[in-house]
Amino acid sequence: MLAVLVPLTGYLIVDHYSKDVVPIPRYYIPEKVDTITKNGTATYDTTFHVVKDFSFTNQMGQQVGLKDLPGKVILVNFFFTSCPSICPKMMANLEKIQQAYIKNDTLLQMISLTVDPERDSSEQLRMYGVKHDINPDNWWLVTGAKKDIYDWARNEVFVSVTQGDGGPDDFIHTEKLVLLDKDHHIRGYYDGLDSNAVRRCANDIAVLHLEKDKHRPGLLKRLFSKTE
């Protein structure tokens, strides 16, 4: 289904984008609202959360971060290699997205962060990737210090409502997929176990790749600053 969906979505976007009929994925996590007054008219420009970079180790033993992915749409999830419950289905759905974009592999980067880094070394992740035919060029399986991974999960992509310190008794287990645009704004949350949600995610990836600047937050401020 995804392999059929993405080319069709691409055609529809190219055909209709200029008419503004393609729904644009919304921005998540507003951080502040600026009031801009010009010629007596007040407008409001919302600044949305920008996900901070990280430095973790991927399945090839390389130190990687968001800064290494300029111009790419990024899809993030959390898993662990020995997970017997939600992870196998979620990762299988992500494999479908990888296959859907196999001919456009410079468009999308997928990042799966282990929530069990004590057991999931980079070598363990590499073996998992080989078993599941994961291309390390555009799908990173990453590990690092548990505290750092859990802090990033909670405070940058907001996938856990529970508090914790990344200690031995702390555990995050979520089916959520998080979609980031090229500027690292959060543009979607999806249930990685729901086939309809995964198809919607695949569609939104294509839309974000072609997104026009006029839809990006903070644009009003930039436009006004240029004219004042």
Protein backbone atom coordinates (compact mmCIF):
# COMPACT_ATOMS: atom_id res chain seq x y z
CA MET A 1 0.00 0.00 0.00
CA LEU A 2 2.76 2.45 0.89
CA ALA A 3 4.66 1.70 -2.31
CA VAL A 4 1.56 2.70 -4.28
CA LEU A 5 0.67 5.61 -2.04
CA VAL A 6 3.88 7.62 -2.22
CA PRO A 7 4.13 8.02 -6.04
CA LEU A 8 0.42 8.90 -6.13
CA THR A 9 0.88 11.41 -3.33
CA GLY A 10 3.82 12.96 -5.16
CA TYR A 11 1.73 13.41 -8.30
CA LEU A 12 -1.12 15.03 -6.39
CA ILE A 13 1.22 17.37 -4.55
CA VAL A 14 2.98 18.52 -7.71
CA ASP A 15 -0.36 18.93 -9.50
CA HIS A 16 -2.19 20.81 -6.76
CA TYR A 17 0.37 22.39 -4.45
CA SER A 18 0.17 25.85 -6.02
CA LYS A 19 -3.59 25.83 -5.47
CA ASP A 20 -3.12 25.37 -1.70
CA VAL A 21 -5.40 22.33 -1.60
CA VAL A 22 -2.85 19.97 -0.07
CA PRO A 23 -3.23 19.96 3.74
CA ILE A 24 0.01 21.00 5.39
CA PRO A 25 0.98 19.12 8.57
CA ARG A 26 0.59 21.47 11.49
CA TYR A 27 3.30 22.61 13.89
CA TYR A 28 3.44 21.20 17.42
CA ILE A 29 4.62 22.59 20.77
CA PRO A 30 4.18 26.39 20.64
CA GLU A 31 6.71 28.20 22.81
CA LYS A 32 5.73 31.85 22.52
CA VAL A 33 3.52 34.24 20.59
CA ASP A 34 4.90 37.55 19.31
CA THR A 35 2.57 40.48 18.72
CA ILE A 36 3.57 42.51 15.68
CA THR A 37 1.96 45.89 15.09
CA LYS A 38 2.23 47.60 11.73
CA ASN A 39 0.16 50.58 10.59
CA GLY A 40 -2.07 50.14 13.60
CA THR A 41 -2.85 46.51 12.83
CA ALA A 42 -1.77 43.78 15.21
CA THR A 43 -0.81 40.35 13.95
CA TYR A 44 0.34 37.35 15.93
CA ASP A 45 3.24 35.10 15.05
CA THR A 46 3.75 31.87 16.96
CA THR A 47 7.23 30.50 17.55
CA PHE A 48 7.26 26.73 17.76
CA HIS A 49 9.68 24.37 19.45
CA VAL A 50 12.81 23.44 17.51
CA VAL A 51 14.20 20.04 18.48
CA LYS A 52 17.76 20.30 19.78
CA ASP A 53 20.59 18.29 18.29
CA PHE A 54 22.04 15.19 19.89
CA SER A 55 25.26 13.20 19.63
CA PHE A 56 24.67 9.45 19.73
CA THR A 57 26.28 6.38 18.15
CA ASN A 58 24.65 4.62 15.21
CA GLN A 59 24.78 0.96 14.21
CA MET A 60 27.99 1.54 12.28
CA GLY A 61 29.79 2.91 15.34
CA GLN A 62 29.64 6.50 14.04
CA GLN A 63 28.84 9.57 16.13
CA VAL A 64 25.80 11.15 14.50
CA GLY A 65 23.44 14.05 15.08
CA LEU A 66 20.68 16.06 13.44
CA LYS A 67 23.31 18.47 12.12
CA ASP A 68 24.44 15.67 9.80
CA LEU A 69 21.08 15.73 8.00
CA PRO A 70 20.73 19.12 6.28
CA GLY A 71 17.63 19.44 4.14
CA LYS A 72 16.14 16.11 5.23
CA VAL A 73 12.77 15.30 6.69
CA ILE A 74 13.34 13.11 9.77
CA LEU A 75 11.18 10.37 11.25
CA VAL A 76 11.99 9.38 14.85
CA ASN A 77 10.89 6.44 16.98
CA PHE A 78 11.97 4.58 20.11
CA PHE A 79 12.44 0.82 20.40
CA PHE A 80 14.76 -1.88 21.76
CA THR A 81 16.04 -4.97 19.99
CA SER A 82 14.75 -7.53 22.51
CA CYS A 83 11.25 -6.02 22.69
CA PRO A 84 8.62 -8.79 22.35
CA SER A 85 5.51 -6.59 22.24
CA ILE A 86 4.99 -3.37 20.25
CA CYS A 87 8.42 -2.98 18.64
CA PRO A 88 8.28 -5.78 16.02
CA LYS A 89 5.08 -4.42 14.44
CA MET A 90 6.21 -0.79 14.68
CA MET A 91 9.58 -1.55 13.09
CA ALA A 92 7.88 -3.62 10.37
CA ASN A 93 5.73 -0.60 9.53
CA LEU A 94 8.84 1.56 9.39
CA GLU A 95 10.41 -0.95 7.01
CA LYS A 96 7.43 -0.32 4.70
CA ILE A 97 8.13 3.41 4.80
CA GLN A 98 11.79 2.73 4.01
CA GLN A 99 10.73 0.67 0.99
CA ALA A 100 8.26 3.34 -0.11
CA TYR A 101 11.07 5.91 -0.25
CA ILE A 102 13.80 3.61 -1.51
CA LYS A 103 14.04 5.53 -4.81
CA ASN A 104 14.11 8.86 -2.94
CA ASP A 105 16.53 7.93 -0.20
CA THR A 106 17.97 11.45 0.09
CA LEU A 107 14.56 12.83 1.06
CA LEU A 108 13.96 11.02 4.34
CA GLN A 109 16.10 9.98 7.30
CA MET A 110 14.71 7.58 9.87
CA ILE A 111 16.18 7.44 13.38
CA SER A 112 15.33 4.68 15.84
CA LEU A 113 16.69 5.31 19.32
CA THR A 114 17.05 2.38 21.69
CA VAL A 115 15.51 2.78 25.13
CA ASP A 116 17.67 -0.10 26.39
CA PRO A 117 21.17 1.21 25.63
CA GLU A 118 22.83 -0.95 28.28
CA ARG A 119 22.04 -4.02 26.16
CA ASP A 120 21.78 -2.42 22.73
CA SER A 121 25.37 -1.63 21.83
CA SER A 122 26.17 -0.34 18.37
CA GLU A 123 27.20 -3.87 17.38
CA GLN A 124 23.88 -5.28 18.63
CA LEU A 125 22.08 -2.61 16.62
CA ARG A 126 24.18 -3.41 13.56
CA MET A 127 23.22 -7.09 13.73
CA TYR A 128 19.57 -6.12 14.16
CA GLY A 129 19.83 -3.84 11.13
CA VAL A 130 21.36 -6.58 8.99
CA LYS A 131 18.63 -9.01 10.02
CA HIS A 132 15.93 -6.52 9.05
CA ASP A 133 17.64 -5.23 5.88
CA ILE A 134 17.95 -1.70 7.27
CA ASN A 135 20.05 0.66 5.17
CA PRO A 136 22.35 2.53 7.62
CA ASP A 137 22.72 5.41 5.16
CA ASN A 138 19.15 6.60 5.68
CA TRP A 139 17.99 4.69 8.76
CA TRP A 140 20.04 5.06 11.89
CA LEU A 141 19.65 2.77 14.87
CA VAL A 142 21.26 4.75 17.66
CA THR A 143 22.46 4.19 21.20
CA GLY A 144 24.08 6.34 23.84
CA ALA A 145 23.90 7.19 27.52
CA LYS A 146 20.46 6.27 28.84
CA LYS A 147 20.05 9.57 30.67
CA ASP A 148 20.77 11.53 27.48
CA ILE A 149 18.40 9.45 25.34
CA TYR A 150 15.60 9.67 27.89
CA ASP A 151 16.11 13.41 28.39
CA TRP A 152 15.91 13.95 24.62
CA ALA A 153 12.79 11.77 24.38
CA ARG A 154 11.01 13.67 27.16
CA ASN A 155 12.14 17.24 26.61
CA GLU A 156 12.78 17.51 22.87
CA VAL A 157 10.23 15.24 21.15
CA PHE A 158 7.84 14.85 24.11
CA VAL A 159 6.96 11.16 23.73
CA SER A 160 6.62 10.42 27.44
CA VAL A 161 4.22 11.98 29.93
CA THR A 162 5.97 10.33 32.88
CA GLN A 163 8.86 11.92 34.72
CA GLY A 164 12.16 10.16 35.23
CA ASP A 165 15.89 10.59 35.52
CA GLY A 166 17.15 7.89 33.18
CA GLY A 167 18.07 5.70 36.11
CA PRO A 168 17.84 1.89 36.35
CA ASP A 169 14.12 1.93 37.16
CA ASP A 170 13.20 4.47 34.49
CA PHE A 171 11.69 3.10 31.29
CA ILE A 172 10.07 4.66 28.22
CA HIS A 173 8.05 2.42 25.93
CA THR A 174 6.08 4.18 23.22
CA GLU A 175 4.57 3.36 19.83
CA LYS A 176 4.75 7.00 18.71
CA LEU A 177 6.48 8.08 15.52
CA VAL A 178 7.62 11.71 15.49
CA LEU A 179 8.00 13.62 12.23
CA LEU A 180 10.44 16.55 12.02
CA ASP A 181 10.66 18.96 9.13
CA LYS A 182 13.88 20.23 7.58
CA ASP A 183 14.16 22.91 10.28
CA HIS A 184 13.58 20.35 13.08
CA HIS A 185 10.11 21.52 14.04
CA ILE A 186 7.77 18.74 15.16
CA ARG A 187 5.15 18.29 12.43
CA GLY A 188 3.40 15.06 13.35
CA TYR A 189 2.82 12.30 15.88
CA TYR A 190 1.61 8.93 14.60
CA ASP A 191 0.69 5.58 16.07
CA GLY A 192 3.36 3.28 14.67
CA LEU A 193 1.07 0.27 15.15
CA ASP A 194 -1.83 1.71 13.14
CA SER A 195 -1.58 1.12 9.38
CA ASN A 196 -3.78 4.13 8.59
CA ALA A 197 -1.62 6.40 10.74
CA VAL A 198 1.53 5.05 9.06
CA ARG A 199 0.05 5.76 5.61
CA ARG A 200 -0.78 9.30 6.75
CA CYS A 201 2.80 9.67 7.96
CA ALA A 202 4.15 8.57 4.57
CA ASN A 203 1.91 11.14 2.91
CA ASP A 204 3.04 13.92 5.27
CA ILE A 205 6.70 13.15 4.58
CA ALA A 206 6.15 13.90 0.89
CA VAL A 207 4.23 17.09 1.69
CA LEU A 208 6.92 18.40 4.04
CA HIS A 209 9.63 17.80 1.48
CA LEU A 210 7.88 20.21 -0.88
CA GLU A 211 6.66 22.65 1.76
CA LYS A 212 6.87 26.31 0.83
CA ASP A 213 8.44 28.91 3.10
CA LYS A 214 5.15 30.76 3.50
CA HIS A 215 3.91 28.00 5.80
CA ARG A 216 6.83 28.19 8.22
CA PRO A 217 6.51 29.82 11.68
CA GLY A 218 8.26 33.09 12.34
CA LEU A 219 7.79 34.20 8.72
CA LEU A 220 5.62 37.19 9.66
CA LYS A 221 8.40 38.50 11.89
CA ARG A 222 10.98 38.08 9.14
CA LEU A 223 8.76 39.79 6.57
CA PHE A 224 7.99 42.74 8.84
CA SER A 225 11.64 43.15 9.83
CA LYS A 226 12.57 43.44 6.15
CA THR A 227 10.01 46.16 5.45
CA GLU A 228 10.52 48.28 8.56
